[in-house]
Protein backbone atom coordinates (compact mmCIF):
# COMPACT_ATOMS: atom_id res chain seq x y z
CA MET A 1 60.59 34.42 128.30
CA THR A 2 61.05 37.41 125.73
CA SER A 3 62.73 40.63 126.35
CA LYS A 4 59.77 42.51 126.21
CA LEU A 5 58.27 40.24 128.73
CA ALA A 6 61.40 40.29 130.53
CA GLY A 7 61.39 44.29 130.24
CA ALA A 8 57.89 44.80 131.11
CA ILE A 9 59.40 42.82 134.95
CA SER A 10 61.95 44.65 135.16
CA ASP A 11 60.30 48.20 134.84
CA GLY A 12 57.53 47.02 137.30
CA ALA A 13 61.19 46.27 139.52
CA PHE A 14 62.29 49.55 139.42
CA LYS A 15 58.47 50.67 140.43
CA VAL A 16 58.56 48.81 143.53
CA LEU A 17 61.89 49.51 144.53
CA LEU A 18 61.52 53.62 143.22
CA GLY A 19 58.28 53.05 145.15
CA ALA A 20 59.40 51.79 148.22
CA ALA A 21 62.54 54.41 148.51
CA LEU A 22 60.46 57.57 147.68
CA ALA A 23 57.60 56.21 150.80
CA VAL A 24 59.82 55.73 153.47
CA SER A 25 62.73 58.32 152.78
CA PRO A 26 62.27 61.32 154.49
CA THR A 27 65.39 62.17 152.46
CA PHE A 28 63.16 62.75 149.26
CA GLY A 29 60.88 65.05 150.69
CA SER A 30 63.45 67.72 151.71
CA LEU A 31 65.66 66.38 148.45
CA PHE A 32 62.22 67.60 146.17
CA GLY A 33 61.15 70.22 148.10
CA VAL A 34 58.11 69.07 148.56
CA PRO A 35 55.92 67.38 151.88
CA ALA A 36 56.55 63.97 153.57
CA TRP A 37 53.24 62.97 152.48
CA LEU A 38 52.67 64.02 148.85
CA MET A 39 56.39 61.79 149.00
CA VAL A 40 54.33 58.98 150.92
CA VAL A 41 51.90 59.42 148.61
CA THR A 42 53.55 59.20 145.45
CA GLY A 43 55.75 56.27 146.64
CA SER A 44 52.71 53.91 147.63
CA ALA A 45 50.81 55.22 144.29
CA VAL A 46 54.11 54.36 142.05
CA LEU A 47 54.96 50.86 144.29
CA ILE A 48 50.99 49.80 143.24
CA SER A 49 51.64 50.48 139.57
CA GLY A 50 55.24 48.54 139.69
CA THR A 51 53.52 45.69 141.70
CA VAL A 52 50.47 45.81 138.97
CA GLU A 53 53.36 45.56 136.04
CA ILE A 54 55.11 42.56 137.75
CA VAL A 55 51.81 40.86 138.22
CA TYR A 56 49.85 41.47 135.51
CA GLY A 57 52.18 42.75 132.69
CA PRO A 58 53.00 38.70 131.10
CA ARG A 59 49.15 38.14 131.63
CA ARG A 60 48.21 41.34 129.31
CA SER A 61 49.13 42.00 125.69
CA MET A 62 52.74 42.81 125.41
CA ALA A 63 51.50 45.75 122.49
CA ALA A 64 48.92 47.14 125.34
CA CYS A 65 51.94 46.78 128.03
CA VAL A 66 54.84 48.29 125.74
CA ARG A 67 53.06 51.41 124.13
CA LEU A 68 51.41 51.70 128.38
CA MET A 69 55.14 51.65 129.37
CA PHE A 70 56.04 54.03 126.16
CA VAL A 71 53.72 56.62 126.98
CA TYR A 72 54.29 56.64 130.89
CA ASP A 73 58.43 56.88 130.65
CA ILE A 74 57.43 60.18 127.56
CA GLY A 75 55.29 61.43 130.43
CA TRP A 76 58.47 60.69 132.58
CA THR A 77 60.55 62.35 130.64
CA VAL A 78 58.70 65.49 130.52
CA ALA A 79 57.60 65.77 133.34
CA THR A 80 60.99 65.81 134.96
CA ALA A 81 62.22 68.47 132.32
CA VAL A 82 59.59 70.59 133.25
CA ALA A 83 60.02 70.04 136.85
CA LEU A 84 63.75 70.38 135.83
CA GLY A 85 63.53 74.04 134.20
CA VAL A 86 61.01 75.21 136.85
CA ALA A 87 63.26 74.10 139.83
CA TRP A 88 66.64 76.44 137.45
CA LEU A 89 63.92 79.54 137.13
CA GLY A 90 63.72 79.30 141.12
CA SER A 91 60.36 78.41 141.25
CA THR A 92 59.96 75.23 144.60
CA ALA A 93 57.39 73.49 142.20
CA GLY A 94 59.56 71.79 140.18
CA GLY A 95 59.31 68.81 142.76
CA GLU A 96 55.32 68.86 143.60
CA ILE A 97 55.38 68.71 139.64
CA TRP A 98 57.09 65.72 139.39
CA ALA A 99 55.93 64.68 141.81
CA GLY A 100 52.62 65.47 141.43
CA TYR A 101 52.84 63.29 137.62
CA GLN A 102 54.38 60.63 139.04
CA ALA A 103 51.31 59.41 141.68
CA VAL A 104 48.66 60.21 138.99
CA ALA A 105 50.18 58.90 136.28
CA SER A 106 51.28 55.61 138.38
CA LEU A 107 48.17 54.66 139.18
CA ALA A 108 46.47 55.73 136.11
CA PHE A 109 49.22 53.04 134.60
CA ALA A 110 48.29 50.74 136.84
CA VAL A 111 44.00 51.06 135.56
CA LEU A 112 45.00 50.43 131.70
CA LEU A 113 46.75 48.21 132.86
CA LEU A 114 44.47 46.39 134.48
CA ARG A 115 42.44 47.03 131.77
CA ALA A 116 44.14 46.00 128.55
CA PRO A 117 43.65 42.76 126.89
CA ALA A 118 44.49 39.53 127.84
CA SER A 119 47.29 37.76 126.80
CA ALA A 120 45.47 34.80 123.87
CA ALA A 121 46.43 31.61 126.32
CA PRO A 122 48.99 29.19 124.62
CA ALA A 123 48.35 26.92 122.53
CA SER A 124 46.73 23.60 123.19
CA PRO A 125 45.22 20.43 122.11
CA PRO A 126 41.10 21.12 122.50
CA ALA A 127 39.93 18.95 125.55
CA THR A 128 37.88 15.46 124.30
CA PRO A 129 33.79 16.41 124.71
CA VAL A 130 32.78 14.30 127.61
CA GLN A 131 29.99 11.59 126.62
CA PRO A 132 27.08 11.30 129.28
CA SER A 133 27.04 7.88 130.68
CA THR A 134 23.72 6.39 130.37
CA PRO A 135 22.66 3.30 131.80
CA ASP A 136 23.23 0.02 129.86
CA THR A 137 19.42 -0.75 129.48
CA THR A 138 20.22 -3.74 127.57
CA ALA A 139 22.16 -6.00 130.33
CA GLY A 140 21.77 -9.60 130.38
CA GLU A 141 19.37 -9.48 126.77
CA PRO A 142 20.77 -10.97 123.60
CA THR A 143 22.45 -8.50 120.85
CA PRO A 144 20.27 -8.50 117.75
């Protein structure tokens, strides 16, 4: 297993755990100052994204998978910085910005990963073509 593949699977596993925690724990909604339904939607989207990444990451081009993870994580960082800045200024919209990004970006990540080109199949020798069998019409006749 390559380190990139291990990284993609680990990233997916983190998203599955985070998504499950966000979806089922009412504490996160109150911590972020958002309604419980938004945390359930966000957690479900992150959970779906992580599951798609674990299942389809190994089947897709690692270059495409790494690019998608990079863009998603950059967006996560920017959304978190903006949410923290908004919260620091006294607004209650910080949690909604963060949760909204997670919901939308997670589903976009899953769709783009599903549409990414498949990885090259491992090299294997080509199968020998099977010749169609023809009935032996010369049975019992001498060979010329």
